[in-house]
C-alpha atoms as a PDB file:
ATOM      1  CA  MET A   1      -0.273  -0.364  -0.143  1.00  0.00           C
ATOM      2  CA  PRO A   2       1.246   3.470  -0.781  1.00  0.00           C
ATOM      3  CA  GLU A   3       2.571   5.676   2.229  1.00  0.00           C
ATOM      4  CA  LYS A   4       0.340   8.598   1.463  1.00  0.00           C
ATOM      5  CA  GLU A   5      -2.971   6.041   1.638  1.00  0.00           C
ATOM      6  CA  LEU A   6      -1.647   4.414   4.501  1.00  0.00           C
ATOM      7  CA  ASN A   7      -0.805   8.079   6.076  1.00  0.00           C
ATOM      8  CA  ILE A   8      -4.627   9.362   5.377  1.00  0.00           C
ATOM      9  CA  ARG A   9      -6.048   5.779   6.878  1.00  0.00           C
ATOM     10  CA  PHE A  10      -4.085   6.471   9.850  1.00  0.00           C
ATOM     11  CA  GLN A  11      -5.083   9.677  10.234  1.00  0.00           C
ATOM     12  CA  ARG A  12      -8.767   8.930   9.897  1.00  0.00           C
ATOM     13  CA  ALA A  13      -8.322   6.164  12.360  1.00  0.00           C
ATOM     14  CA  VAL A  14      -7.058   8.801  15.163  1.00  0.00           C
ATOM     15  CA  ASP A  15      -9.370  11.228  14.350  1.00  0.00           C
ATOM     16  CA  LEU A  16     -12.030   8.529  15.390  1.00  0.00           C
ATOM     17  CA  ALA A  17      -9.848   7.875  18.549  1.00  0.00           C
ATOM     18  CA  SER A  18      -9.856  11.133  19.383  1.00  0.00           C
ATOM     19  CA  LYS A  19     -13.895  11.164  19.690  1.00  0.00           C
ATOM     20  CA  MET A  20     -13.755   8.213  21.541  1.00  0.00           C
ATOM     21  CA  THR A  21     -14.074   8.771  25.504  1.00  0.00           C
ATOM     22  CA  GLN A  22     -11.778   6.671  27.752  1.00  0.00           C
ATOM     23  CA  SER A  23     -14.497   5.343  29.963  1.00  0.00           C
ATOM     24  CA  SER A  24     -16.080   3.421  26.922  1.00  0.00           C
ATOM     25  CA  LEU A  25     -12.814   1.623  26.254  1.00  0.00           C
ATOM     26  CA  PRO A  26     -11.104  -1.151  28.664  1.00  0.00           C
ATOM     27  CA  GLN A  27      -7.530   0.155  29.775  1.00  0.00           C
ATOM     28  CA  ASP A  28      -6.178  -3.209  27.993  1.00  0.00           C
ATOM     29  CA  VAL A  29      -7.525  -1.671  25.079  1.00  0.00           C
ATOM     30  CA  GLN A  30      -6.640   2.016  25.644  1.00  0.00           C
ATOM     31  CA  LEU A  31      -2.578   0.819  26.399  1.00  0.00           C
ATOM     32  CA  ARG A  32      -3.103  -1.057  23.208  1.00  0.00           C
ATOM     33  CA  LEU A  33      -3.906   1.981  21.172  1.00  0.00           C
ATOM     34  CA  TYR A  34      -1.644   3.905  22.866  1.00  0.00           C
ATOM     35  CA  ALA A  35       1.510   1.209  21.743  1.00  0.00           C
ATOM     36  CA  TYR A  36       0.121   1.601  18.159  1.00  0.00           C
ATOM     37  CA  TYR A  37      -0.053   5.031  18.221  1.00  0.00           C
ATOM     38  CA  LYS A  38       3.271   5.897  19.957  1.00  0.00           C
ATOM     39  CA  GLN A  39       5.052   3.571  17.608  1.00  0.00           C
ATOM     40  CA  ALA A  40       3.439   4.467  14.655  1.00  0.00           C
ATOM     41  CA  THR A  41       4.471   8.271  15.037  1.00  0.00           C
ATOM     42  CA  PHE A  42       7.700   8.076  16.970  1.00  0.00           C
ATOM     43  CA  GLY A  43       9.112   4.525  16.251  1.00  0.00           C
ATOM     44  CA  THR A  44      10.972   2.004  18.585  1.00  0.00           C
ATOM     45  CA  ILE A  45      11.149   3.372  22.192  1.00  0.00           C
ATOM     46  CA  ASP A  46      13.561   5.205  23.529  1.00  0.00           C
ATOM     47  CA  TYR A  47      14.060   3.566  26.987  1.00  0.00           C
ATOM     48  CA  ASN A  48      14.730   6.090  30.018  1.00  0.00           C
ATOM     49  CA  ILE A  49      13.454   6.338  33.458  1.00  0.00           C
ATOM     50  CA  SER A  50      12.651  10.129  34.316  1.00  0.00           C
ATOM     51  CA  PRO A  51      12.312  11.772  37.635  1.00  0.00           C
ATOM     52  CA  ASN A  52       8.504  11.489  37.178  1.00  0.00           C
ATOM     53  CA  PHE A  53       7.974   8.057  36.584  1.00  0.00           C
ATOM     54  CA  ASP A  54       4.821   6.877  38.215  1.00  0.00           C
ATOM     55  CA  LEU A  55       2.778   3.547  37.754  1.00  0.00           C
ATOM     56  CA  ARG A  56       0.521   4.814  34.800  1.00  0.00           C
ATOM     57  CA  ASN A  57       3.694   5.634  32.751  1.00  0.00           C
ATOM     58  CA  ALA A  58       5.220   2.395  33.892  1.00  0.00           C
ATOM     59  CA  PHE A  59       2.641   0.765  32.167  1.00  0.00           C
ATOM     60  CA  LYS A  60       2.373   2.771  29.269  1.00  0.00           C
ATOM     61  CA  THR A  61       5.787   2.613  28.633  1.00  0.00           C
ATOM     62  CA  ASN A  62       5.192  -1.510  29.116  1.00  0.00           C
ATOM     63  CA  ALA A  63       2.564  -1.479  26.728  1.00  0.00           C
ATOM     64  CA  TRP A  64       4.890   0.632  24.283  1.00  0.00           C
ATOM     65  CA  MET A  65       8.259  -1.982  24.538  1.00  0.00           C
ATOM     66  CA  GLN A  66       6.028  -4.665  23.869  1.00  0.00           C
ATOM     67  CA  ILE A  67       5.646  -3.917  20.048  1.00  0.00           C
ATOM     68  CA  SER A  68       8.858  -1.717  20.120  1.00  0.00           C
ATOM     69  CA  HIS A  69       9.863  -4.749  17.322  1.00  0.00           C
ATOM     70  CA  LEU A  70       7.195  -3.378  14.870  1.00  0.00           C
ATOM     71  CA  SER A  71       7.735  -1.124  11.708  1.00  0.00           C
ATOM     72  CA  VAL A  72       5.741   2.312  12.481  1.00  0.00           C
ATOM     73  CA  GLU A  73       3.924   0.812   8.803  1.00  0.00           C
ATOM     74  CA  GLN A  74       2.997  -1.962  11.048  1.00  0.00           C
ATOM     75  CA  ALA A  75       2.162  -0.205  13.848  1.00  0.00           C
ATOM     76  CA  LYS A  76      -0.260   2.369  11.865  1.00  0.00           C
ATOM     77  CA  GLU A  77      -1.929  -0.987  10.210  1.00  0.00           C
ATOM     78  CA  LEU A  78      -2.776  -2.590  13.370  1.00  0.00           C
ATOM     79  CA  TYR A  79      -3.909   1.096  14.589  1.00  0.00           C
ATOM     80  CA  ILE A  80      -6.098   1.231  12.168  1.00  0.00           C
ATOM     81  CA  GLU A  81      -7.414  -2.058  12.662  1.00  0.00           C
ATOM     82  CA  ALA A  82      -8.277  -1.843  16.401  1.00  0.00           C
ATOM     83  CA  ILE A  83     -10.253   1.263  16.100  1.00  0.00           C
ATOM     84  CA  ASP A  84     -12.317  -0.386  13.331  1.00  0.00           C
ATOM     85  CA  ALA A  85     -12.955  -3.201  15.181  1.00  0.00           C
ATOM     86  CA  ILE A  86     -14.173  -0.649  18.479  1.00  0.00           C
ATOM     87  CA  ILE A  87     -16.171   0.454  15.671  1.00  0.00           C
ATOM     88  CA  LYS A  88     -17.672  -2.528  14.125  1.00  0.00           C
ATOM     89  CA  GLU A  89     -18.428  -3.259  17.642  1.00  0.00           C
ATOM     90  CA  GLU A  90     -20.061   0.008  18.862  1.00  0.00           C
ATOM     91  CA  LYS A  91     -22.885  -0.729  15.834  1.00  0.00           C
END
């Protein structure tokens, strides 16, 4: 798939996700979406512990680290698939 098309589909999924409420999604789904988004937009995590490292950030960092083997393109595809699945469940 051409990169431009993938980026358009990814941005559409991000726009749809931004309209969802956190309370409507289980925490494991939120973490998965967070990890896919971070990998898709920043690439592999540069792991370092900041002085403000708390439990919430530890979970987010762990989720991102678990998928750090994915390419940016793979992360975008998985993010799109996850958002599409959530939308289909809501219908």
